[in-house]
C-alpha atoms as a PDB file:
ATOM      1  CA  UNK A   1     -12.231  -5.978  -3.558  1.00  0.00           C
ATOM      2  CA  UNK A   2     -13.326  -5.187  -0.183  1.00  0.00           C
ATOM      3  CA  UNK A   3     -12.310  -8.879   1.236  1.00  0.00           C
ATOM      4  CA  UNK A   4      -9.131  -8.428  -0.046  1.00  0.00           C
ATOM      5  CA  UNK A   5      -8.532  -4.843   1.559  1.00  0.00           C
ATOM      6  CA  UNK A   6      -9.452  -6.183   4.720  1.00  0.00           C
ATOM      7  CA  UNK A   7      -6.845  -9.000   4.835  1.00  0.00           C
ATOM      8  CA  UNK A   8      -4.166  -6.735   3.285  1.00  0.00           C
ATOM      9  CA  UNK A   9      -4.927  -4.193   6.008  1.00  0.00           C
ATOM     10  CA  UNK A  10      -4.850  -7.412   8.660  1.00  0.00           C
ATOM     11  CA  UNK A  11      -1.874  -9.004   7.201  1.00  0.00           C
ATOM     12  CA  UNK A  12       0.416  -5.555   8.087  1.00  0.00           C
ATOM     13  CA  UNK A  13      -1.299  -4.471  10.872  1.00  0.00           C
ATOM     14  CA  UNK A  14      -2.359  -1.018   9.199  1.00  0.00           C
ATOM     15  CA  UNK A  15      -5.017   1.257  10.505  1.00  0.00           C
ATOM     16  CA  UNK A  16      -7.250   3.009   8.397  1.00  0.00           C
ATOM     17  CA  UNK A  17      -8.425   6.517   8.870  1.00  0.00           C
ATOM     18  CA  UNK A  18     -11.265   8.011   6.915  1.00  0.00           C
ATOM     19  CA  UNK A  19     -12.624  11.684   6.834  1.00  0.00           C
ATOM     20  CA  UNK A  20     -16.467  11.967   7.400  1.00  0.00           C
ATOM     21  CA  UNK A  21     -16.090  13.646   4.134  1.00  0.00           C
ATOM     22  CA  UNK A  22     -14.796  10.283   2.166  1.00  0.00           C
ATOM     23  CA  UNK A  23     -17.038   8.204  -0.094  1.00  0.00           C
ATOM     24  CA  UNK A  24     -19.338   5.708   1.923  1.00  0.00           C
ATOM     25  CA  UNK A  25     -17.114   2.799   0.579  1.00  0.00           C
ATOM     26  CA  UNK A  26     -14.393   3.781   2.114  1.00  0.00           C
ATOM     27  CA  UNK A  27     -15.446   5.642   5.041  1.00  0.00           C
ATOM     28  CA  UNK A  28     -17.631   2.296   5.976  1.00  0.00           C
ATOM     29  CA  UNK A  29     -14.170   0.104   6.273  1.00  0.00           C
ATOM     30  CA  UNK A  30     -12.336   2.384   8.033  1.00  0.00           C
ATOM     31  CA  UNK A  31     -11.055   1.498  11.775  1.00  0.00           C
ATOM     32  CA  UNK A  32     -11.040   5.513  12.846  1.00  0.00           C
ATOM     33  CA  UNK A  33     -13.304   8.026  11.305  1.00  0.00           C
ATOM     34  CA  UNK A  34     -14.019  11.768  12.270  1.00  0.00           C
ATOM     35  CA  UNK A  35     -13.357  15.758  11.246  1.00  0.00           C
ATOM     36  CA  UNK A  36      -9.850  16.676  11.367  1.00  0.00           C
ATOM     37  CA  UNK A  37      -9.695  17.408  15.427  1.00  0.00           C
ATOM     38  CA  UNK A  38     -11.015  13.528  16.078  1.00  0.00           C
ATOM     39  CA  UNK A  39      -8.551  11.858  13.529  1.00  0.00           C
ATOM     40  CA  UNK A  40      -5.489  13.975  14.812  1.00  0.00           C
ATOM     41  CA  UNK A  41      -6.041  12.801  18.403  1.00  0.00           C
ATOM     42  CA  UNK A  42      -6.982   9.321  17.315  1.00  0.00           C
ATOM     43  CA  UNK A  43      -4.141   8.929  15.329  1.00  0.00           C
ATOM     44  CA  UNK A  44      -1.316  10.570  17.369  1.00  0.00           C
ATOM     45  CA  UNK A  45      -0.783   7.586  19.537  1.00  0.00           C
ATOM     46  CA  UNK A  46      -0.856   4.638  17.305  1.00  0.00           C
ATOM     47  CA  UNK A  47       1.729   2.096  16.792  1.00  0.00           C
ATOM     48  CA  UNK A  48       0.820   0.663  13.928  1.00  0.00           C
ATOM     49  CA  UNK A  49       1.250   2.261  10.238  1.00  0.00           C
ATOM     50  CA  UNK A  50      -1.468   4.446   9.185  1.00  0.00           C
ATOM     51  CA  UNK A  51      -3.653   4.821   5.687  1.00  0.00           C
ATOM     52  CA  UNK A  52      -5.354   8.146   5.950  1.00  0.00           C
ATOM     53  CA  UNK A  53      -8.383   8.753   3.220  1.00  0.00           C
ATOM     54  CA  UNK A  54      -8.773  12.276   2.947  1.00  0.00           C
ATOM     55  CA  UNK A  55      -6.859  15.574   2.043  1.00  0.00           C
ATOM     56  CA  UNK A  56      -2.982  15.791   1.933  1.00  0.00           C
ATOM     57  CA  UNK A  57      -2.844  18.393   5.227  1.00  0.00           C
ATOM     58  CA  UNK A  58      -4.644  15.453   6.996  1.00  0.00           C
ATOM     59  CA  UNK A  59      -1.768  13.264   6.084  1.00  0.00           C
ATOM     60  CA  UNK A  60       0.698  15.539   6.771  1.00  0.00           C
ATOM     61  CA  UNK A  61      -0.481  16.884  10.035  1.00  0.00           C
ATOM     62  CA  UNK A  62      -1.031  12.838  11.181  1.00  0.00           C
ATOM     63  CA  UNK A  63       2.712  12.621  10.414  1.00  0.00           C
ATOM     64  CA  UNK A  64       3.835  15.317  12.061  1.00  0.00           C
ATOM     65  CA  UNK A  65       1.972  14.591  15.614  1.00  0.00           C
ATOM     66  CA  UNK A  66       3.134  10.660  15.095  1.00  0.00           C
ATOM     67  CA  UNK A  67       6.487  10.536  13.215  1.00  0.00           C
ATOM     68  CA  UNK A  68       7.338   7.342  14.394  1.00  0.00           C
ATOM     69  CA  UNK A  69       4.924   5.390  11.984  1.00  0.00           C
ATOM     70  CA  UNK A  70       5.097   5.325   8.203  1.00  0.00           C
ATOM     71  CA  UNK A  71       1.865   7.332   7.085  1.00  0.00           C
ATOM     72  CA  UNK A  72       0.336   6.641   3.636  1.00  0.00           C
ATOM     73  CA  UNK A  73      -2.398   7.913   1.306  1.00  0.00           C
ATOM     74  CA  UNK A  74      -3.933   6.021  -1.339  1.00  0.00           C
ATOM     75  CA  UNK A  75      -4.459   9.358  -3.280  1.00  0.00           C
ATOM     76  CA  UNK A  76      -2.516  12.812  -2.498  1.00  0.00           C
ATOM     77  CA  UNK A  77      -5.553  15.031  -3.066  1.00  0.00           C
ATOM     78  CA  UNK A  78      -5.269  18.809  -2.598  1.00  0.00           C
ATOM     79  CA  UNK A  79      -7.574  20.928  -0.651  1.00  0.00           C
ATOM     80  CA  UNK A  80      -8.517  23.816  -2.725  1.00  0.00           C
ATOM     81  CA  UNK A  81      -8.244  25.829   0.609  1.00  0.00           C
ATOM     82  CA  UNK A  82      -5.042  25.154   1.539  1.00  0.00           C
ATOM     83  CA  UNK A  83      -3.836  25.517  -1.739  1.00  0.00           C
ATOM     84  CA  UNK A  84      -5.022  29.097  -1.681  1.00  0.00           C
ATOM     85  CA  UNK A  85      -2.513  30.042   1.349  1.00  0.00           C
ATOM     86  CA  UNK A  86       0.442  30.373  -0.813  1.00  0.00           C
ATOM     87  CA  UNK A  87       3.519  30.627   1.385  1.00  0.00           C
ATOM     88  CA  UNK A  88       4.560  33.764  -0.210  1.00  0.00           C
ATOM     89  CA  UNK A  89       1.093  35.374  -0.118  1.00  0.00           C
ATOM     90  CA  UNK A  90       1.255  34.350   3.479  1.00  0.00           C
ATOM     91  CA  UNK A  91       4.750  35.743   4.374  1.00  0.00           C
ATOM     92  CA  UNK A  92       3.566  38.786   2.442  1.00  0.00           C
ATOM     93  CA  UNK A  93       0.804  39.273   4.952  1.00  0.00           C
ATOM     94  CA  UNK A  94       3.195  38.894   7.857  1.00  0.00           C
ATOM     95  CA  UNK A  95       5.615  41.376   6.411  1.00  0.00           C
ATOM     96  CA  UNK A  96       2.539  44.180   6.033  1.00  0.00           C
ATOM     97  CA  UNK A  97       1.301  43.344   9.686  1.00  0.00           C
ATOM     98  CA  UNK A  98       5.061  44.286  10.997  1.00  0.00           C
ATOM     99  CA  UNK A  99       5.048  47.480   8.455  1.00  0.00           C
ATOM    100  CA  UNK A 100       1.940  48.223  10.324  1.00  0.00           C
ATOM    101  CA  UNK A 101       3.292  47.778  13.789  1.00  0.00           C
ATOM    102  CA  UNK A 102       0.348  45.565  14.427  1.00  0.00           C
ATOM    103  CA  UNK A 103       0.962  43.314  17.763  1.00  0.00           C
ATOM    104  CA  UNK A 104      -0.622  40.080  16.295  1.00  0.00           C
ATOM    105  CA  UNK A 105      -0.741  36.391  17.183  1.00  0.00           C
ATOM    106  CA  UNK A 106      -1.177  33.828  14.061  1.00  0.00           C
ATOM    107  CA  UNK A 107      -4.143  31.455  14.100  1.00  0.00           C
ATOM    108  CA  UNK A 108      -3.817  29.122  11.451  1.00  0.00           C
ATOM    109  CA  UNK A 109      -6.684  26.846  10.561  1.00  0.00           C
ATOM    110  CA  UNK A 110      -6.044  22.946  10.473  1.00  0.00           C
ATOM    111  CA  UNK A 111      -6.589  23.102   6.421  1.00  0.00           C
ATOM    112  CA  UNK A 112      -3.064  24.399   5.576  1.00  0.00           C
ATOM    113  CA  UNK A 113      -0.009  22.871   4.647  1.00  0.00           C
ATOM    114  CA  UNK A 114       2.781  21.956   6.511  1.00  0.00           C
ATOM    115  CA  UNK A 115       5.149  25.028   5.190  1.00  0.00           C
ATOM    116  CA  UNK A 116       1.957  27.516   6.356  1.00  0.00           C
ATOM    117  CA  UNK A 117       1.902  25.517  10.063  1.00  0.00           C
ATOM    118  CA  UNK A 118       5.349  26.126  10.577  1.00  0.00           C
ATOM    119  CA  UNK A 119       5.431  29.600   9.774  1.00  0.00           C
ATOM    120  CA  UNK A 120       2.311  29.749  12.784  1.00  0.00           C
ATOM    121  CA  UNK A 121       4.386  27.764  14.825  1.00  0.00           C
ATOM    122  CA  UNK A 122       7.833  29.918  14.410  1.00  0.00           C
ATOM    123  CA  UNK A 123       5.773  32.831  15.139  1.00  0.00           C
ATOM    124  CA  UNK A 124       4.445  31.468  18.199  1.00  0.00           C
ATOM    125  CA  UNK A 125       0.570  31.008  16.823  1.00  0.00           C
ATOM    126  CA  UNK A 126      -1.572  27.952  17.301  1.00  0.00           C
ATOM    127  CA  UNK A 127      -3.519  26.008  14.834  1.00  0.00           C
ATOM    128  CA  UNK A 128      -7.066  25.628  15.186  1.00  0.00           C
ATOM    129  CA  UNK A 129      -9.878  23.185  13.459  1.00  0.00           C
ATOM    130  CA  UNK A 130     -13.389  24.286  13.228  1.00  0.00           C
ATOM    131  CA  UNK A 131     -14.652  22.464  16.768  1.00  0.00           C
ATOM    132  CA  UNK A 132     -11.703  24.367  18.358  1.00  0.00           C
ATOM    133  CA  UNK A 133     -11.355  27.863  16.741  1.00  0.00           C
ATOM    134  CA  UNK A 134     -13.617  29.300  19.850  1.00  0.00           C
ATOM    135  CA  UNK A 135     -11.299  28.200  22.343  1.00  0.00           C
ATOM    136  CA  UNK A 136      -7.884  28.840  20.211  1.00  0.00           C
ATOM    137  CA  UNK A 137      -9.098  32.479  19.543  1.00  0.00           C
ATOM    138  CA  UNK A 138     -10.240  33.227  23.243  1.00  0.00           C
ATOM    139  CA  UNK A 139      -6.562  32.195  24.238  1.00  0.00           C
ATOM    140  CA  UNK A 140      -5.245  34.545  21.528  1.00  0.00           C
ATOM    141  CA  UNK A 141      -7.478  37.609  22.350  1.00  0.00           C
ATOM    142  CA  UNK A 142      -6.582  36.948  25.851  1.00  0.00           C
ATOM    143  CA  UNK A 143      -3.137  37.541  25.301  1.00  0.00           C
ATOM    144  CA  UNK A 144      -3.879  41.438  24.353  1.00  0.00           C
ATOM    145  CA  UNK A 145      -2.816  40.907  20.592  1.00  0.00           C
ATOM    146  CA  UNK A 146      -4.765  40.931  17.276  1.00  0.00           C
ATOM    147  CA  UNK A 147      -5.168  37.819  15.375  1.00  0.00           C
ATOM    148  CA  UNK A 148      -3.919  37.339  11.811  1.00  0.00           C
ATOM    149  CA  UNK A 149      -6.203  34.211  10.977  1.00  0.00           C
ATOM    150  CA  UNK A 150      -5.865  32.073   8.148  1.00  0.00           C
ATOM    151  CA  UNK A 151      -6.484  31.017   5.558  1.00  0.00           C
ATOM    152  CA  UNK A 152     -10.161  30.647   5.822  1.00  0.00           C
ATOM    153  CA  UNK A 153     -12.307  34.217   5.929  1.00  0.00           C
ATOM    154  CA  UNK A 154     -15.406  32.800   7.048  1.00  0.00           C
ATOM    155  CA  UNK A 155     -14.630  30.658  10.144  1.00  0.00           C
ATOM    156  CA  UNK A 156     -12.105  33.802  11.029  1.00  0.00           C
ATOM    157  CA  UNK A 157     -15.717  36.267  10.295  1.00  0.00           C
ATOM    158  CA  UNK A 158     -18.046  33.859  11.621  1.00  0.00           C
ATOM    159  CA  UNK A 159     -15.741  33.329  14.978  1.00  0.00           C
ATOM    160  CA  UNK A 160     -15.712  37.120  15.602  1.00  0.00           C
ATOM    161  CA  UNK A 161     -19.183  37.519  15.234  1.00  0.00           C
ATOM    162  CA  UNK A 162     -19.933  34.732  17.747  1.00  0.00           C
ATOM    163  CA  UNK A 163     -17.376  36.004  20.143  1.00  0.00           C
ATOM    164  CA  UNK A 164     -18.550  39.784  19.545  1.00  0.00           C
ATOM    165  CA  UNK A 165     -15.226  40.907  18.073  1.00  0.00           C
ATOM    166  CA  UNK A 166     -14.404  42.502  15.128  1.00  0.00           C
ATOM    167  CA  UNK A 167     -13.008  41.016  12.176  1.00  0.00           C
ATOM    168  CA  UNK A 168     -11.950  41.956   8.424  1.00  0.00           C
ATOM    169  CA  UNK A 169     -10.002  40.780   5.677  1.00  0.00           C
ATOM    170  CA  UNK A 170      -6.565  42.249   5.086  1.00  0.00           C
ATOM    171  CA  UNK A 171      -6.329  45.235   3.011  1.00  0.00           C
ATOM    172  CA  UNK A 172     -10.507  45.906   3.345  1.00  0.00           C
ATOM    173  CA  UNK A 173     -11.062  49.622   4.583  1.00  0.00           C
ATOM    174  CA  UNK A 174      -9.437  49.902   8.058  1.00  0.00           C
ATOM    175  CA  UNK A 175      -8.413  46.420   8.691  1.00  0.00           C
ATOM    176  CA  UNK A 176      -5.982  47.774  10.818  1.00  0.00           C
ATOM    177  CA  UNK A 177      -8.445  48.518  13.639  1.00  0.00           C
ATOM    178  CA  UNK A 178     -10.130  44.712  13.332  1.00  0.00           C
ATOM    179  CA  UNK A 179      -9.554  42.212  16.245  1.00  0.00           C
ATOM    180  CA  UNK A 180      -9.096  39.536  13.589  1.00  0.00           C
ATOM    181  CA  UNK A 181      -7.547  39.887  10.645  1.00  0.00           C
ATOM    182  CA  UNK A 182      -8.268  36.959   7.868  1.00  0.00           C
ATOM    183  CA  UNK A 183      -6.669  35.815   4.862  1.00  0.00           C
ATOM    184  CA  UNK A 184      -8.334  36.184   1.955  1.00  0.00           C
ATOM    185  CA  UNK A 185      -9.458  32.314   1.695  1.00  0.00           C
ATOM    186  CA  UNK A 186     -12.272  30.071   1.531  1.00  0.00           C
ATOM    187  CA  UNK A 187     -13.465  26.576   1.197  1.00  0.00           C
ATOM    188  CA  UNK A 188     -15.226  25.920  -2.587  1.00  0.00           C
ATOM    189  CA  UNK A 189     -17.643  23.686  -1.169  1.00  0.00           C
ATOM    190  CA  UNK A 190     -18.880  25.774   1.602  1.00  0.00           C
ATOM    191  CA  UNK A 191     -18.989  28.844  -0.876  1.00  0.00           C
ATOM    192  CA  UNK A 192     -21.880  27.158  -2.732  1.00  0.00           C
ATOM    193  CA  UNK A 193     -24.840  27.747  -0.095  1.00  0.00           C
ATOM    194  CA  UNK A 194     -26.291  31.155  -0.158  1.00  0.00           C
ATOM    195  CA  UNK A 195     -28.882  32.984   1.960  1.00  0.00           C
ATOM    196  CA  UNK A 196     -31.641  32.449  -0.581  1.00  0.00           C
ATOM    197  CA  UNK A 197     -31.713  28.267  -0.200  1.00  0.00           C
ATOM    198  CA  UNK A 198     -32.244  29.193   3.362  1.00  0.00           C
ATOM    199  CA  UNK A 199     -35.063  31.261   2.440  1.00  0.00           C
ATOM    200  CA  UNK A 200     -36.388  28.674  -0.030  1.00  0.00           C
ATOM    201  CA  UNK A 201     -36.726  25.982   2.546  1.00  0.00           C
ATOM    202  CA  UNK A 202     -38.045  28.358   5.522  1.00  0.00           C
ATOM    203  CA  UNK A 203     -40.949  29.028   2.732  1.00  0.00           C
ATOM    204  CA  UNK A 204     -41.442  25.451   2.564  1.00  0.00           C
ATOM    205  CA  UNK A 205     -41.298  24.475   5.647  1.00  0.00           C
ATOM    206  CA  UNK A 206     -41.609  27.160   8.217  1.00  0.00           C
ATOM    207  CA  UNK A 207     -40.456  24.722  11.208  1.00  0.00           C
ATOM    208  CA  UNK A 208     -37.443  23.566   9.509  1.00  0.00           C
ATOM    209  CA  UNK A 209     -33.955  23.591  11.283  1.00  0.00           C
ATOM    210  CA  UNK A 210     -30.756  25.579   9.132  1.00  0.00           C
ATOM    211  CA  UNK A 211     -28.116  23.594  10.409  1.00  0.00           C
ATOM    212  CA  UNK A 212     -24.556  24.858   8.658  1.00  0.00           C
ATOM    213  CA  UNK A 213     -20.543  24.724   8.936  1.00  0.00           C
ATOM    214  CA  UNK A 214     -18.866  28.159   9.765  1.00  0.00           C
ATOM    215  CA  UNK A 215     -16.994  27.437   6.576  1.00  0.00           C
ATOM    216  CA  UNK A 216     -20.152  29.140   5.158  1.00  0.00           C
ATOM    217  CA  UNK A 217     -20.261  32.704   4.490  1.00  0.00           C
ATOM    218  CA  UNK A 218     -21.363  35.207   7.264  1.00  0.00           C
ATOM    219  CA  UNK A 219     -24.700  36.054   5.396  1.00  0.00           C
ATOM    220  CA  UNK A 220     -25.710  32.221   5.028  1.00  0.00           C
ATOM    221  CA  UNK A 221     -24.597  31.388   9.132  1.00  0.00           C
ATOM    222  CA  UNK A 222     -26.542  34.715  10.224  1.00  0.00           C
ATOM    223  CA  UNK A 223     -29.932  32.971   9.396  1.00  0.00           C
ATOM    224  CA  UNK A 224     -28.777  29.814  10.729  1.00  0.00           C
ATOM    225  CA  UNK A 225     -30.449  27.825  13.908  1.00  0.00           C
ATOM    226  CA  UNK A 226     -27.230  25.967  14.441  1.00  0.00           C
ATOM    227  CA  UNK A 227     -24.022  26.733  13.640  1.00  0.00           C
ATOM    228  CA  UNK A 228     -21.085  23.936  14.207  1.00  0.00           C
ATOM    229  CA  UNK A 229     -18.022  21.995  13.024  1.00  0.00           C
ATOM    230  CA  UNK A 230     -18.705  18.486  11.359  1.00  0.00           C
ATOM    231  CA  UNK A 231     -18.591  16.570  14.443  1.00  0.00           C
ATOM    232  CA  UNK A 232     -20.849  19.053  16.041  1.00  0.00           C
ATOM    233  CA  UNK A 233     -23.390  18.759  13.456  1.00  0.00           C
ATOM    234  CA  UNK A 234     -23.289  15.181  13.627  1.00  0.00           C
ATOM    235  CA  UNK A 235     -23.906  15.569  17.433  1.00  0.00           C
ATOM    236  CA  UNK A 236     -26.481  18.047  16.679  1.00  0.00           C
ATOM    237  CA  UNK A 237     -28.567  15.753  14.441  1.00  0.00           C
ATOM    238  CA  UNK A 238     -28.266  12.536  16.656  1.00  0.00           C
ATOM    239  CA  UNK A 239     -30.026  14.880  19.394  1.00  0.00           C
ATOM    240  CA  UNK A 240     -32.484  15.820  17.315  1.00  0.00           C
ATOM    241  CA  UNK A 241     -33.212  12.495  15.131  1.00  0.00           C
ATOM    242  CA  UNK A 242     -37.123  13.657  14.490  1.00  0.00           C
ATOM    243  CA  UNK A 243     -36.514  17.377  13.269  1.00  0.00           C
ATOM    244  CA  UNK A 244     -36.642  18.457   9.728  1.00  0.00           C
ATOM    245  CA  UNK A 245     -33.457  20.141   8.777  1.00  0.00           C
ATOM    246  CA  UNK A 246     -31.513  21.792   5.956  1.00  0.00           C
ATOM    247  CA  UNK A 247     -28.057  21.200   6.444  1.00  0.00           C
ATOM    248  CA  UNK A 248     -25.257  23.235   4.917  1.00  0.00           C
ATOM    249  CA  UNK A 249     -21.992  21.257   4.682  1.00  0.00           C
ATOM    250  CA  UNK A 250     -20.513  18.205   2.499  1.00  0.00           C
ATOM    251  CA  UNK A 251     -22.626  16.054   0.524  1.00  0.00           C
ATOM    252  CA  UNK A 252     -21.561  12.480   1.676  1.00  0.00           C
ATOM    253  CA  UNK A 253     -21.513  13.381   5.322  1.00  0.00           C
ATOM    254  CA  UNK A 254     -25.438  14.510   5.061  1.00  0.00           C
ATOM    255  CA  UNK A 255     -26.207  11.927   3.012  1.00  0.00           C
ATOM    256  CA  UNK A 256     -25.180   9.570   5.374  1.00  0.00           C
ATOM    257  CA  UNK A 257     -27.006  11.188   8.404  1.00  0.00           C
ATOM    258  CA  UNK A 258     -30.006  11.558   6.155  1.00  0.00           C
ATOM    259  CA  UNK A 259     -29.701   7.405   5.618  1.00  0.00           C
ATOM    260  CA  UNK A 260     -28.676   6.411   9.076  1.00  0.00           C
ATOM    261  CA  UNK A 261     -30.432   8.706  11.320  1.00  0.00           C
ATOM    262  CA  UNK A 262     -33.036  11.564   9.960  1.00  0.00           C
ATOM    263  CA  UNK A 263     -34.575  10.873   6.578  1.00  0.00           C
ATOM    264  CA  UNK A 264     -36.042  14.183   6.894  1.00  0.00           C
ATOM    265  CA  UNK A 265     -32.850  16.031   5.952  1.00  0.00           C
ATOM    266  CA  UNK A 266     -32.177  18.222   3.478  1.00  0.00           C
ATOM    267  CA  UNK A 267     -29.187  19.168   1.479  1.00  0.00           C
ATOM    268  CA  UNK A 268     -28.712  23.220   1.478  1.00  0.00           C
ATOM    269  CA  UNK A 269     -28.201  23.728  -2.262  1.00  0.00           C
ATOM    270  CA  UNK A 270     -29.418  23.848  -5.248  1.00  0.00           C
ATOM    271  CA  UNK A 271     -26.153  22.065  -6.615  1.00  0.00           C
ATOM    272  CA  UNK A 272     -24.753  18.631  -4.823  1.00  0.00           C
ATOM    273  CA  UNK A 273     -21.925  20.096  -2.500  1.00  0.00           C
ATOM    274  CA  UNK A 274     -19.612  17.436  -3.082  1.00  0.00           C
ATOM    275  CA  UNK A 275     -16.059  17.923  -2.009  1.00  0.00           C
ATOM    276  CA  UNK A 276     -13.907  16.825  -5.480  1.00  0.00           C
ATOM    277  CA  UNK A 277     -10.890  16.432  -3.325  1.00  0.00           C
ATOM    278  CA  UNK A 278     -12.377  13.812  -0.454  1.00  0.00           C
ATOM    279  CA  UNK A 279     -14.304  12.531  -2.987  1.00  0.00           C
ATOM    280  CA  UNK A 280     -10.816  11.165  -5.052  1.00  0.00           C
ATOM    281  CA  UNK A 281     -10.102   8.230  -2.668  1.00  0.00           C
ATOM    282  CA  UNK A 282     -11.578   5.366  -4.101  1.00  0.00           C
ATOM    283  CA  UNK A 283     -11.256   1.700  -2.964  1.00  0.00           C
ATOM    284  CA  UNK A 284      -9.348   0.948  -6.428  1.00  0.00           C
ATOM    285  CA  UNK A 285      -6.510   3.713  -5.108  1.00  0.00           C
ATOM    286  CA  UNK A 286      -6.990   1.612  -1.585  1.00  0.00           C
ATOM    287  CA  UNK A 287      -6.315  -1.789  -3.296  1.00  0.00           C
ATOM    288  CA  UNK A 288      -3.661  -0.674  -5.550  1.00  0.00           C
ATOM    289  CA  UNK A 289      -1.700   0.909  -2.286  1.00  0.00           C
ATOM    290  CA  UNK A 290      -2.061  -2.224  -0.136  1.00  0.00           C
ATOM    291  CA  UNK A 291      -1.053  -4.463  -2.620  1.00  0.00           C
ATOM    292  CA  UNK A 292       1.994  -2.353  -3.196  1.00  0.00           C
ATOM    293  CA  UNK A 293       2.942  -2.166   0.312  1.00  0.00           C
ATOM    294  CA  UNK A 294       2.203  -6.177   0.557  1.00  0.00           C
ATOM    295  CA  UNK A 295       5.161  -6.366  -2.400  1.00  0.00           C
ATOM    296  CA  UNK A 296       7.751  -3.924  -0.830  1.00  0.00           C
ATOM    297  CA  UNK A 297       6.678  -1.081  -3.026  1.00  0.00           C
ATOM    298  CA  UNK A 298       5.011   1.150  -1.017  1.00  0.00           C
ATOM    299  CA  UNK A 299       4.169   5.275  -2.203  1.00  0.00           C
ATOM    300  CA  UNK A 300       2.690   7.878  -1.242  1.00  0.00           C
ATOM    301  CA  UNK A 301       4.455   7.998   1.953  1.00  0.00           C
ATOM    302  CA  UNK A 302       4.205  11.126   3.199  1.00  0.00           C
ATOM    303  CA  UNK A 303       7.504  12.728   4.606  1.00  0.00           C
ATOM    304  CA  UNK A 304       7.777  16.312   6.240  1.00  0.00           C
ATOM    305  CA  UNK A 305      11.206  18.224   6.198  1.00  0.00           C
ATOM    306  CA  UNK A 306      12.100  17.884   9.542  1.00  0.00           C
ATOM    307  CA  UNK A 307      12.366  21.665  10.274  1.00  0.00           C
ATOM    308  CA  UNK A 308       9.013  22.188   8.609  1.00  0.00           C
ATOM    309  CA  UNK A 309       7.628  19.479  11.005  1.00  0.00           C
ATOM    310  CA  UNK A 310       9.480  20.517  14.587  1.00  0.00           C
ATOM    311  CA  UNK A 311       7.888  24.052  13.706  1.00  0.00           C
ATOM    312  CA  UNK A 312       4.943  22.650  12.536  1.00  0.00           C
ATOM    313  CA  UNK A 313       4.366  20.889  15.625  1.00  0.00           C
ATOM    314  CA  UNK A 314       4.910  23.644  18.412  1.00  0.00           C
ATOM    315  CA  UNK A 315       1.562  24.949  16.774  1.00  0.00           C
ATOM    316  CA  UNK A 316      -0.176  21.893  16.262  1.00  0.00           C
ATOM    317  CA  UNK A 317       0.586  20.933  20.193  1.00  0.00           C
ATOM    318  CA  UNK A 318      -0.556  24.327  21.054  1.00  0.00           C
ATOM    319  CA  UNK A 319      -3.718  23.338  19.571  1.00  0.00           C
ATOM    320  CA  UNK A 320      -4.047  20.061  21.582  1.00  0.00           C
ATOM    321  CA  UNK A 321      -2.620  21.884  24.952  1.00  0.00           C
ATOM    322  CA  UNK A 322      -5.673  24.579  24.422  1.00  0.00           C
ATOM    323  CA  UNK A 323      -8.088  22.107  23.410  1.00  0.00           C
ATOM    324  CA  UNK A 324      -7.422  18.864  25.862  1.00  0.00           C
END
């Protein structure tokens, strides 16, 4: 099947992109790999059709940033965090902020739908990724405004601590006084990691390095030796190939680093932290999509309403300008 997939990709001059959290069977045959920011930058200037293996918001972002090429997904997998940021809930938060006469700028994590990105773009806000969140938040703070950060409360609170700012979840006690006001959302995978998991490894390996993603809870990040985005974690592991580490992020990614870079890596969890959405895409679904394209009956092509795309692009371009 892999040979057939490669032949069809070549026949139709299609670029295959895969996020780090994808299964090895998909990741290993991709032309482009990376985290959200890396893949956004790598795909925005493509001239060829694109098949994006990840979750739906990634396919939407790729289409918005590069509207002139067809973008397909073998599986329209839905990110649980993105689903939490329902449009009406976000609009209600914004109405509350305005009612409280809070001068704010929205900063939206890339793990969100095009509709939510469009709301942020209309309000002159910016998108961020976990690797660019510090730069985007500094940009917003420099405008002497409070930040409405959505949808991941953990990323917002962790960045606040790193930058010596005050953060709270909207509607918590005295939330109006915070520098960063967070929507109450989270990642279902990174919520699995607990402080006691760190204690477990520290008791057995006193010199172990604890490496976590900023989507983990503040209680976990406080105990970590290194906090970083997916790409930053990868670079950290490459720079410390002989260190014993326990890593708090998605299983496929951690397991691949353990196999390819450092065998002294452990998963920082008592359960398997595998992203169900990222793991929905299979070789069979990729093959079926390519067969459909070959028969001129493609499906799962990403389409974004023109107005939504225009306003989303404002927020995405803001991120690109700040992080270039």
